[in-house]
Amino acid sequence: MAVATNHSTYKESKWINTISRGDIALFAHPSAFKNHDKLINPTPYLVLEIIYVSGDMYVVLTAGTTVVAAPPRPFDIQITNKSSLNEAGLAEPISFDTNHRIIVPVLHSGFGMRFGATPVIGRLNSAGQYRLRSVRSPQKVLADRKTCLWAQQWFFEESCKNPRKRDQVIIPAPYSHEPHN
């Protein structure tokens, strides 16, 4: 499991207004919510996209995993060198599989920030941002936007600002296979 090194303190509204594509944010994996009595241990996620639908803000995230010895797949974004790790707010090398993602409302309690802290711990460096742009084709961005539109209409049935609805997690279907650059 990847370890975060940076956890700044800001007002909640500040991070909600500034979270952006390429940020590394702490988020509690959805399966952790099955037992609300246990403490949630957030892990690093990469922000793939921010999508606005009917005044609600959704965050497309992909979980970070430990870097394995195998070569990275064409859709992986790895952070391995020391300066990249520092900029991302991480202590250990990490890999993000951009084909496996979740979509959550920005107010989701999985961001779990109490006492005004921000879940954003760092950012991809310029090489990581370039890699993110290369793996996020317009078709993938459009597919995620369509998923948010569907969720807004059928899944949430009302604003995702509603506390009963905001903790829903959308796990989109895998992307169709497409040639990689």
N, C-alpha and C. Protein backbone atom coordinates (compact mmCIF):
# COMPACT_ATOMS: atom_id res chain seq x y z
N MET A 1 0.85 -1.18 0.00
CA MET A 1 0.00 0.00 0.00
C MET A 1 0.89 1.24 0.00
N ALA A 2 0.49 2.22 -0.77
CA ALA A 2 1.25 3.46 -0.87
C ALA A 2 1.09 4.29 0.40
N VAL A 3 2.10 5.02 0.74
CA VAL A 3 2.08 5.83 1.95
C VAL A 3 2.18 7.31 1.57
N ALA A 4 1.30 8.10 2.11
CA ALA A 4 1.31 9.54 1.86
C ALA A 4 2.20 10.23 2.87
N THR A 5 2.83 11.32 2.44
CA THR A 5 3.71 12.06 3.34
C THR A 5 3.19 13.45 3.66
N ASN A 6 2.25 13.96 2.88
CA ASN A 6 1.84 15.35 3.00
C ASN A 6 0.34 15.42 3.23
N HIS A 7 -0.08 16.16 4.21
CA HIS A 7 -1.51 16.33 4.46
C HIS A 7 -1.74 17.72 5.02
N SER A 8 -1.87 18.69 4.11
CA SER A 8 -2.01 20.09 4.50
C SER A 8 -3.36 20.36 5.13
N THR A 9 -3.47 21.46 5.83
CA THR A 9 -4.73 21.85 6.45
C THR A 9 -5.27 23.10 5.77
N TYR A 10 -6.44 22.97 5.16
CA TYR A 10 -7.15 24.08 4.54
C TYR A 10 -8.62 23.94 4.87
N LYS A 11 -9.35 25.00 4.62
CA LYS A 11 -10.80 24.94 4.77
C LYS A 11 -11.36 24.00 3.72
N GLU A 12 -12.41 23.25 4.07
CA GLU A 12 -13.00 22.29 3.14
C GLU A 12 -13.34 22.93 1.80
N SER A 13 -13.94 24.10 1.83
CA SER A 13 -14.37 24.72 0.58
C SER A 13 -13.18 25.03 -0.33
N LYS A 14 -12.02 25.29 0.24
CA LYS A 14 -10.85 25.60 -0.58
C LYS A 14 -10.47 24.40 -1.44
N TRP A 15 -10.37 23.22 -0.86
CA TRP A 15 -9.96 22.07 -1.67
C TRP A 15 -11.04 21.69 -2.68
N ILE A 16 -12.30 21.85 -2.32
CA ILE A 16 -13.38 21.52 -3.26
C ILE A 16 -13.31 22.45 -4.47
N ASN A 17 -12.94 23.69 -4.25
CA ASN A 17 -12.86 24.65 -5.35
C ASN A 17 -11.57 24.55 -6.15
N THR A 18 -10.57 23.85 -5.62
CA THR A 18 -9.29 23.80 -6.32
C THR A 18 -8.87 22.41 -6.76
N ILE A 19 -9.56 21.35 -6.33
CA ILE A 19 -9.17 20.01 -6.75
C ILE A 19 -9.23 19.93 -8.28
N SER A 20 -8.23 19.29 -8.88
CA SER A 20 -8.19 19.28 -10.34
C SER A 20 -7.52 18.01 -10.86
N ARG A 21 -7.66 17.83 -12.15
CA ARG A 21 -7.07 16.69 -12.85
C ARG A 21 -5.58 16.63 -12.55
N GLY A 22 -5.10 15.43 -12.20
CA GLY A 22 -3.68 15.26 -11.90
C GLY A 22 -3.34 15.39 -10.43
N ASP A 23 -4.31 15.77 -9.59
CA ASP A 23 -4.07 15.83 -8.15
C ASP A 23 -4.02 14.41 -7.58
N ILE A 24 -3.28 14.25 -6.51
CA ILE A 24 -3.28 13.01 -5.74
C ILE A 24 -4.06 13.33 -4.47
N ALA A 25 -5.12 12.57 -4.22
CA ALA A 25 -5.99 12.83 -3.07
C ALA A 25 -6.16 11.56 -2.26
N LEU A 26 -6.30 11.74 -0.95
CA LEU A 26 -6.60 10.60 -0.08
C LEU A 26 -8.10 10.34 -0.13
N PHE A 27 -8.46 9.08 -0.32
CA PHE A 27 -9.87 8.68 -0.39
C PHE A 27 -9.99 7.31 0.23
N ALA A 28 -11.04 7.11 1.02
CA ALA A 28 -11.28 5.80 1.64
C ALA A 28 -11.96 4.91 0.62
N HIS A 29 -11.37 3.75 0.37
CA HIS A 29 -11.91 2.82 -0.62
C HIS A 29 -13.35 2.49 -0.27
N PRO A 30 -14.24 2.45 -1.25
CA PRO A 30 -15.66 2.22 -0.97
C PRO A 30 -15.98 1.01 -0.11
N SER A 31 -15.22 -0.06 -0.22
CA SER A 31 -15.53 -1.25 0.57
C SER A 31 -15.38 -0.99 2.07
N ALA A 32 -14.66 0.05 2.43
CA ALA A 32 -14.48 0.39 3.84
C ALA A 32 -15.77 0.87 4.48
N PHE A 33 -16.75 1.25 3.68
CA PHE A 33 -17.98 1.79 4.24
C PHE A 33 -18.97 0.72 4.67
N LYS A 34 -18.67 -0.55 4.46
CA LYS A 34 -19.60 -1.61 4.83
C LYS A 34 -19.77 -1.70 6.35
N ASN A 35 -18.73 -1.34 7.08
CA ASN A 35 -18.81 -1.37 8.53
C ASN A 35 -18.47 0.04 9.03
N HIS A 36 -19.49 0.82 9.31
CA HIS A 36 -19.27 2.21 9.70
C HIS A 36 -18.59 2.38 11.05
N ASP A 37 -18.52 1.33 11.85
CA ASP A 37 -17.91 1.44 13.17
C ASP A 37 -16.38 1.42 13.10
N LYS A 38 -15.83 0.90 12.01
CA LYS A 38 -14.38 0.82 11.89
C LYS A 38 -13.83 2.12 11.35
N LEU A 39 -12.63 2.47 11.79
CA LEU A 39 -11.98 3.66 11.27
C LEU A 39 -11.62 3.44 9.80
N ILE A 40 -11.82 4.46 9.01
CA ILE A 40 -11.53 4.39 7.58
C ILE A 40 -10.09 4.81 7.36
N ASN A 41 -9.36 4.02 6.57
CA ASN A 41 -7.98 4.32 6.27
C ASN A 41 -7.87 4.77 4.82
N PRO A 42 -7.87 6.08 4.55
CA PRO A 42 -7.81 6.54 3.17
C PRO A 42 -6.47 6.22 2.51
N THR A 43 -6.50 5.98 1.21
CA THR A 43 -5.30 5.69 0.44
C THR A 43 -5.22 6.66 -0.74
N PRO A 44 -4.04 6.79 -1.36
CA PRO A 44 -3.89 7.73 -2.47
C PRO A 44 -4.67 7.31 -3.72
N TYR A 45 -5.37 8.27 -4.29
CA TYR A 45 -6.07 8.11 -5.56
C TYR A 45 -5.63 9.24 -6.48
N LEU A 46 -5.59 8.96 -7.76
CA LEU A 46 -5.28 9.97 -8.77
C LEU A 46 -6.59 10.54 -9.30
N VAL A 47 -6.69 11.86 -9.36
CA VAL A 47 -7.87 12.51 -9.94
C VAL A 47 -7.69 12.51 -11.46
N LEU A 48 -8.55 11.73 -12.14
CA LEU A 48 -8.49 11.65 -13.59
C LEU A 48 -9.25 12.78 -14.26
N GLU A 49 -10.34 13.19 -13.64
CA GLU A 49 -11.21 14.18 -14.26
C GLU A 49 -12.10 14.80 -13.20
N ILE A 50 -12.54 16.02 -13.45
CA ILE A 50 -13.60 16.68 -12.67
C ILE A 50 -14.73 16.92 -13.66
N ILE A 51 -15.94 16.47 -13.31
CA ILE A 51 -17.08 16.61 -14.22
C ILE A 51 -18.22 17.30 -13.49
N TYR A 52 -18.80 18.31 -14.13
CA TYR A 52 -19.94 19.03 -13.58
C TYR A 52 -21.20 18.62 -14.34
N VAL A 53 -22.25 18.27 -13.59
CA VAL A 53 -23.53 17.91 -14.18
C VAL A 53 -24.62 18.57 -13.35
N SER A 54 -25.41 19.41 -13.97
CA SER A 54 -26.55 20.07 -13.32
C SER A 54 -26.18 20.68 -11.96
N GLY A 55 -25.04 21.33 -11.89
CA GLY A 55 -24.63 21.99 -10.66
C GLY A 55 -23.93 21.09 -9.66
N ASP A 56 -23.88 19.79 -9.92
CA ASP A 56 -23.17 18.86 -9.03
C ASP A 56 -21.79 18.55 -9.61
N MET A 57 -20.83 18.37 -8.72
CA MET A 57 -19.45 18.12 -9.13
C MET A 57 -19.08 16.67 -8.81
N TYR A 58 -18.58 15.97 -9.81
CA TYR A 58 -18.14 14.58 -9.65
C TYR A 58 -16.64 14.51 -9.87
N VAL A 59 -16.01 13.56 -9.17
CA VAL A 59 -14.57 13.35 -9.28
C VAL A 59 -14.35 11.93 -9.79
N VAL A 60 -13.60 11.81 -10.89
CA VAL A 60 -13.25 10.51 -11.44
C VAL A 60 -11.88 10.15 -10.84
N LEU A 61 -11.83 9.04 -10.12
CA LEU A 61 -10.63 8.65 -9.38
C LEU A 61 -10.14 7.26 -9.80
N THR A 62 -8.84 7.04 -9.66
CA THR A 62 -8.28 5.70 -9.81
C THR A 62 -7.34 5.46 -8.65
N ALA A 63 -7.44 4.26 -8.08
CA ALA A 63 -6.66 3.93 -6.88
C ALA A 63 -5.20 3.66 -7.20
N GLY A 64 -4.36 4.03 -6.26
CA GLY A 64 -2.94 3.73 -6.38
C GLY A 64 -2.63 2.37 -5.78
N THR A 65 -1.72 1.66 -6.43
CA THR A 65 -1.28 0.35 -5.92
C THR A 65 0.24 0.31 -5.93
N THR A 66 0.77 -0.65 -5.21
CA THR A 66 2.21 -0.83 -5.15
C THR A 66 2.75 -1.17 -6.54
N VAL A 67 3.87 -0.59 -6.90
CA VAL A 67 4.49 -0.87 -8.19
C VAL A 67 5.03 -2.30 -8.16
N VAL A 68 4.67 -3.06 -9.20
CA VAL A 68 5.16 -4.44 -9.32
C VAL A 68 6.34 -4.48 -10.27
N ALA A 69 7.06 -5.60 -10.26
CA ALA A 69 8.26 -5.71 -11.08
C ALA A 69 7.96 -5.78 -12.58
N ALA A 70 6.76 -6.19 -12.95
CA ALA A 70 6.40 -6.28 -14.37
C ALA A 70 6.41 -4.90 -15.01
N PRO A 71 6.68 -4.84 -16.31
CA PRO A 71 6.65 -3.52 -16.96
C PRO A 71 5.25 -2.93 -16.91
N PRO A 72 5.15 -1.60 -16.84
CA PRO A 72 3.82 -0.97 -16.77
C PRO A 72 3.03 -1.22 -18.06
N ARG A 73 1.72 -1.31 -17.89
CA ARG A 73 0.83 -1.44 -19.04
C ARG A 73 0.69 -0.07 -19.70
N PRO A 74 0.21 -0.04 -20.94
CA PRO A 74 0.13 1.23 -21.66
C PRO A 74 -0.76 2.28 -21.00
N PHE A 75 -1.69 1.86 -20.14
CA PHE A 75 -2.62 2.80 -19.52
C PHE A 75 -2.28 3.09 -18.06
N ASP A 76 -1.14 2.59 -17.58
CA ASP A 76 -0.70 2.85 -16.21
C ASP A 76 0.07 4.16 -16.13
N ILE A 77 -0.08 4.83 -14.99
CA ILE A 77 0.75 5.99 -14.67
C ILE A 77 1.50 5.62 -13.40
N GLN A 78 2.82 5.57 -13.52
CA GLN A 78 3.63 5.21 -12.35
C GLN A 78 4.41 6.42 -11.87
N ILE A 79 4.53 6.49 -10.55
CA ILE A 79 5.35 7.52 -9.91
C ILE A 79 6.42 6.77 -9.14
N THR A 80 7.66 6.89 -9.60
CA THR A 80 8.71 6.08 -8.99
C THR A 80 9.94 6.86 -8.54
N ASN A 81 10.29 7.97 -9.22
CA ASN A 81 11.51 8.65 -8.80
C ASN A 81 11.23 9.62 -7.64
N LYS A 82 12.27 9.92 -6.91
CA LYS A 82 12.13 10.68 -5.66
C LYS A 82 11.49 12.05 -5.84
N SER A 83 11.88 12.80 -6.86
CA SER A 83 11.29 14.14 -7.03
C SER A 83 9.81 14.04 -7.40
N SER A 84 9.44 13.07 -8.22
CA SER A 84 8.03 12.87 -8.58
C SER A 84 7.21 12.46 -7.37
N LEU A 85 7.79 11.59 -6.54
CA LEU A 85 7.12 11.15 -5.31
C LEU A 85 6.89 12.34 -4.37
N ASN A 86 7.91 13.18 -4.23
CA ASN A 86 7.78 14.36 -3.36
C ASN A 86 6.68 15.29 -3.84
N GLU A 87 6.65 15.55 -5.14
CA GLU A 87 5.64 16.46 -5.69
C GLU A 87 4.23 15.87 -5.52
N ALA A 88 4.14 14.53 -5.58
CA ALA A 88 2.85 13.85 -5.42
C ALA A 88 2.46 13.68 -3.95
N GLY A 89 3.37 13.99 -3.03
CA GLY A 89 3.07 13.84 -1.60
C GLY A 89 3.12 12.41 -1.13
N LEU A 90 3.93 11.59 -1.81
CA LEU A 90 4.00 10.15 -1.50
C LEU A 90 5.39 9.75 -1.02
N ALA A 91 5.44 8.68 -0.26
CA ALA A 91 6.71 8.19 0.27
C ALA A 91 7.21 6.95 -0.47
N GLU A 92 6.32 6.23 -1.15
CA GLU A 92 6.68 4.98 -1.83
C GLU A 92 6.22 5.03 -3.28
N PRO A 93 6.93 4.31 -4.17
CA PRO A 93 6.48 4.24 -5.57
C PRO A 93 5.05 3.71 -5.66
N ILE A 94 4.32 4.21 -6.66
CA ILE A 94 2.90 3.90 -6.80
C ILE A 94 2.56 3.80 -8.28
N SER A 95 1.53 3.00 -8.57
CA SER A 95 1.05 2.86 -9.94
C SER A 95 -0.46 3.09 -9.95
N PHE A 96 -0.94 3.83 -10.94
CA PHE A 96 -2.37 4.09 -11.11
C PHE A 96 -2.83 3.46 -12.41
N ASP A 97 -3.78 2.55 -12.34
CA ASP A 97 -4.36 1.91 -13.52
C ASP A 97 -5.53 2.78 -13.98
N THR A 98 -5.33 3.56 -15.02
CA THR A 98 -6.33 4.54 -15.43
C THR A 98 -7.56 3.91 -16.07
N ASN A 99 -7.54 2.62 -16.36
CA ASN A 99 -8.73 1.95 -16.91
C ASN A 99 -9.70 1.53 -15.82
N HIS A 100 -9.25 1.45 -14.58
CA HIS A 100 -10.12 1.09 -13.46
C HIS A 100 -10.35 2.33 -12.62
N ARG A 101 -11.59 2.79 -12.61
CA ARG A 101 -11.86 4.05 -11.94
C ARG A 101 -13.19 3.98 -11.23
N ILE A 102 -13.37 4.94 -10.33
CA ILE A 102 -14.65 5.14 -9.68
C ILE A 102 -15.01 6.61 -9.87
N ILE A 103 -16.30 6.89 -9.78
CA ILE A 103 -16.77 8.26 -9.89
C ILE A 103 -17.59 8.54 -8.63
N VAL A 104 -17.25 9.63 -7.94
CA VAL A 104 -17.95 9.98 -6.70
C VAL A 104 -18.27 11.47 -6.69
N PRO A 105 -19.35 11.84 -5.99
CA PRO A 105 -19.58 13.28 -5.79
C PRO A 105 -18.45 13.88 -4.96
N VAL A 106 -18.11 15.13 -5.21
CA VAL A 106 -17.02 15.77 -4.49
C VAL A 106 -17.30 15.83 -2.98
N LEU A 107 -18.57 15.80 -2.60
CA LEU A 107 -18.93 15.84 -1.17
C LEU A 107 -18.92 14.46 -0.51
N HIS A 108 -18.49 13.44 -1.21
CA HIS A 108 -18.46 12.08 -0.68
C HIS A 108 -17.64 12.03 0.61
N SER A 109 -18.17 11.34 1.62
CA SER A 109 -17.45 11.28 2.89
C SER A 109 -16.19 10.42 2.82
N GLY A 110 -15.98 9.71 1.71
CA GLY A 110 -14.74 8.96 1.53
C GLY A 110 -13.51 9.85 1.51
N PHE A 111 -13.72 11.12 1.17
CA PHE A 111 -12.60 12.06 1.27
C PHE A 111 -12.27 12.29 2.73
N GLY A 112 -13.23 12.02 3.62
CA GLY A 112 -13.03 11.92 5.05
C GLY A 112 -12.28 13.03 5.74
N MET A 113 -12.33 14.21 5.24
CA MET A 113 -11.55 15.27 5.84
C MET A 113 -12.31 15.93 6.97
N ARG A 114 -11.79 15.74 8.13
CA ARG A 114 -12.35 16.36 9.32
C ARG A 114 -11.43 17.51 9.75
N PHE A 115 -11.95 18.40 10.49
CA PHE A 115 -11.18 19.52 11.02
C PHE A 115 -10.62 20.42 9.92
N GLY A 116 -11.29 20.47 8.76
CA GLY A 116 -10.90 21.39 7.71
C GLY A 116 -9.68 21.01 6.90
N ALA A 117 -9.19 19.80 7.01
CA ALA A 117 -8.01 19.39 6.24
C ALA A 117 -8.39 19.08 4.80
N THR A 118 -7.43 19.17 3.90
CA THR A 118 -7.65 18.84 2.51
C THR A 118 -7.22 17.40 2.23
N PRO A 119 -7.97 16.67 1.39
CA PRO A 119 -7.52 15.33 1.01
C PRO A 119 -6.44 15.38 -0.06
N VAL A 120 -6.23 16.53 -0.69
CA VAL A 120 -5.23 16.63 -1.75
C VAL A 120 -3.85 16.70 -1.12
N ILE A 121 -3.02 15.70 -1.45
CA ILE A 121 -1.69 15.62 -0.84
C ILE A 121 -0.57 16.00 -1.80
N GLY A 122 -0.88 16.11 -3.08
CA GLY A 122 0.14 16.47 -4.07
C GLY A 122 -0.43 16.43 -5.47
N ARG A 123 0.49 16.51 -6.44
CA ARG A 123 0.11 16.53 -7.86
C ARG A 123 1.10 15.71 -8.68
N LEU A 124 0.66 15.29 -9.83
CA LEU A 124 1.59 14.71 -10.79
C LEU A 124 2.54 15.81 -11.25
N ASN A 125 3.80 15.47 -11.48
CA ASN A 125 4.72 16.45 -12.04
C ASN A 125 4.41 16.62 -13.53
N SER A 126 5.17 17.44 -14.24
CA SER A 126 4.85 17.73 -15.64
C SER A 126 4.89 16.48 -16.51
N ALA A 127 5.84 15.58 -16.25
CA ALA A 127 5.89 14.33 -17.03
C ALA A 127 4.66 13.47 -16.74
N GLY A 128 4.23 13.43 -15.49
CA GLY A 128 3.03 12.68 -15.13
C GLY A 128 1.78 13.29 -15.74
N GLN A 129 1.72 14.64 -15.78
CA GLN A 129 0.58 15.32 -16.41
C GLN A 129 0.52 14.99 -17.90
N TYR A 130 1.68 14.97 -18.54
CA TYR A 130 1.75 14.62 -19.96
C TYR A 130 1.26 13.20 -20.17
N ARG A 131 1.69 12.30 -19.31
CA ARG A 131 1.27 10.89 -19.40
C ARG A 131 -0.25 10.79 -19.19
N LEU A 132 -0.78 11.53 -18.24
CA LEU A 132 -2.22 11.52 -17.99
C LEU A 132 -2.98 11.99 -19.23
N ARG A 133 -2.52 13.05 -19.87
CA ARG A 133 -3.18 13.52 -21.09
C ARG A 133 -3.12 12.47 -22.19
N SER A 134 -2.02 11.72 -22.25
CA SER A 134 -1.88 10.74 -23.33
C SER A 134 -2.78 9.51 -23.12
N VAL A 135 -3.10 9.15 -21.88
CA VAL A 135 -3.95 7.97 -21.65
C VAL A 135 -5.43 8.32 -21.52
N ARG A 136 -5.76 9.59 -21.36
CA ARG A 136 -7.15 10.02 -21.22
C ARG A 136 -7.67 10.56 -22.55
N SER A 137 -8.04 9.66 -23.45
CA SER A 137 -8.53 10.06 -24.76
C SER A 137 -9.87 10.80 -24.62
N PRO A 138 -10.22 11.61 -25.62
CA PRO A 138 -11.53 12.28 -25.57
C PRO A 138 -12.69 11.29 -25.42
N GLN A 139 -12.54 10.10 -25.99
CA GLN A 139 -13.59 9.09 -25.87
C GLN A 139 -13.76 8.63 -24.42
N LYS A 140 -12.67 8.53 -23.69
CA LYS A 140 -12.76 8.11 -22.28
C LYS A 140 -13.38 9.22 -21.43
N VAL A 141 -13.01 10.44 -21.70
CA VAL A 141 -13.59 11.57 -20.97
C VAL A 141 -15.09 11.64 -21.24
N LEU A 142 -15.48 11.47 -22.50
CA LEU A 142 -16.90 11.49 -22.87
C LEU A 142 -17.65 10.33 -22.22
N ALA A 143 -17.04 9.14 -22.18
CA ALA A 143 -17.69 7.99 -21.54
C ALA A 143 -17.95 8.27 -20.06
N ASP A 144 -16.98 8.89 -19.38
CA ASP A 144 -17.17 9.21 -17.96
C ASP A 144 -18.23 10.29 -17.77
N ARG A 145 -18.27 11.25 -18.68
CA ARG A 145 -19.30 12.30 -18.60
C ARG A 145 -20.69 11.69 -18.79
N LYS A 146 -20.82 10.78 -19.75
CA LYS A 146 -22.11 10.12 -19.98
C LYS A 146 -22.51 9.30 -18.75
N THR A 147 -21.56 8.67 -18.09
CA THR A 147 -21.85 7.92 -16.86
C THR A 147 -22.39 8.86 -15.79
N CYS A 148 -21.79 10.04 -15.67
CA CYS A 148 -22.26 11.03 -14.68
C CYS A 148 -23.66 11.52 -15.02
N LEU A 149 -23.91 11.76 -16.28
CA LEU A 149 -25.25 12.19 -16.70
C LEU A 149 -26.28 11.11 -16.36
N TRP A 150 -25.95 9.85 -16.64
CA TRP A 150 -26.84 8.74 -16.32
C TRP A 150 -27.07 8.68 -14.80
N ALA A 151 -25.99 8.78 -14.04
CA ALA A 151 -26.09 8.69 -12.58
C ALA A 151 -26.95 9.82 -12.02
N GLN A 152 -26.77 11.02 -12.59
CA GLN A 152 -27.56 12.16 -12.12
C GLN A 152 -29.05 11.89 -12.32
N GLN A 153 -29.38 11.28 -13.45
CA GLN A 153 -30.78 11.05 -13.77
C GLN A 153 -31.38 9.84 -13.06
N TRP A 154 -30.63 8.73 -12.95
CA TRP A 154 -31.21 7.48 -12.48
C TRP A 154 -30.67 7.00 -11.14
N PHE A 155 -29.43 7.28 -10.86
CA PHE A 155 -28.79 6.72 -9.68
C PHE A 155 -29.04 7.59 -8.46
N PHE A 156 -28.82 8.89 -8.61
CA PHE A 156 -28.98 9.80 -7.48
C PHE A 156 -30.43 10.24 -7.32
N GLU A 157 -31.15 10.40 -8.41
CA GLU A 157 -32.56 10.78 -8.43
C GLU A 157 -32.83 12.12 -7.76
N GLU A 158 -31.84 12.71 -7.20
CA GLU A 158 -31.93 14.04 -6.60
C GLU A 158 -30.50 14.53 -6.45
N SER A 159 -30.32 15.70 -6.02
CA SER A 159 -28.99 16.28 -5.92
C SER A 159 -28.06 15.42 -5.08
N CYS A 160 -26.81 15.29 -5.54
CA CYS A 160 -25.84 14.52 -4.76
C CYS A 160 -25.35 15.30 -3.54
N LYS A 161 -25.91 16.48 -3.29
CA LYS A 161 -25.60 17.21 -2.06
C LYS A 161 -26.41 16.64 -0.89
N ASN A 162 -27.44 15.86 -1.21
CA ASN A 162 -28.25 15.20 -0.19
C ASN A 162 -27.36 14.20 0.56
N PRO A 163 -27.26 14.29 1.89
CA PRO A 163 -26.38 13.39 2.64
C PRO A 163 -26.67 11.90 2.41
N ARG A 164 -27.93 11.56 2.13
CA ARG A 164 -28.25 10.16 1.88
C ARG A 164 -27.70 9.68 0.54
N LYS A 165 -27.50 10.59 -0.39
CA LYS A 165 -27.10 10.22 -1.74
C LYS A 165 -25.63 10.45 -2.04
N ARG A 166 -25.00 11.38 -1.33
CA ARG A 166 -23.65 11.78 -1.72
C ARG A 166 -22.59 10.70 -1.52
N ASP A 167 -22.88 9.67 -0.73
CA ASP A 167 -21.88 8.63 -0.51
C ASP A 167 -22.02 7.46 -1.48
N GLN A 168 -22.80 7.63 -2.52
CA GLN A 168 -22.89 6.62 -3.56
C GLN A 168 -21.58 6.61 -4.34
N VAL A 169 -21.22 5.43 -4.83
CA VAL A 169 -20.02 5.27 -5.65
C VAL A 169 -20.45 4.68 -6.98
N ILE A 170 -20.01 5.29 -8.06
CA ILE A 170 -20.30 4.78 -9.39
C ILE A 170 -19.05 4.03 -9.86
N ILE A 171 -19.23 2.79 -10.23
CA ILE A 171 -18.12 2.00 -10.78
C ILE A 171 -18.47 1.76 -12.24
N PRO A 172 -17.93 2.59 -13.14
CA PRO A 172 -18.30 2.48 -14.55
C PRO A 172 -17.83 1.17 -15.18
N ALA A 173 -18.49 0.81 -16.27
CA ALA A 173 -18.06 -0.34 -17.05
C ALA A 173 -16.66 -0.06 -17.59
N PRO A 174 -15.88 -1.11 -17.80
CA PRO A 174 -14.53 -0.88 -18.36
C PRO A 174 -14.63 -0.20 -19.72
N TYR A 175 -13.60 0.55 -20.05
CA TYR A 175 -13.55 1.18 -21.36
C TYR A 175 -13.44 0.10 -22.41
N SER A 176 -13.98 0.38 -23.60
CA SER A 176 -13.79 -0.56 -24.70
C SER A 176 -12.32 -0.53 -25.09
N HIS A 177 -11.86 -1.60 -25.69
CA HIS A 177 -10.45 -1.65 -26.09
C HIS A 177 -10.22 -0.69 -27.24
N GLU A 178 -9.17 0.04 -27.14
CA GLU A 178 -8.79 0.98 -28.21
C GLU A 178 -7.29 0.97 -28.33
N PRO A 179 -6.78 1.29 -29.50
CA PRO A 179 -5.32 1.29 -29.66
C PRO A 179 -4.68 2.33 -28.76
N HIS A 180 -3.55 1.99 -28.19
CA HIS A 180 -2.81 2.92 -27.34
C HIS A 180 -1.67 3.53 -28.13
N ASN A 181 -1.34 4.77 -27.78
CA ASN A 181 -0.23 5.46 -28.47
C ASN A 181 1.09 4.86 -28.09
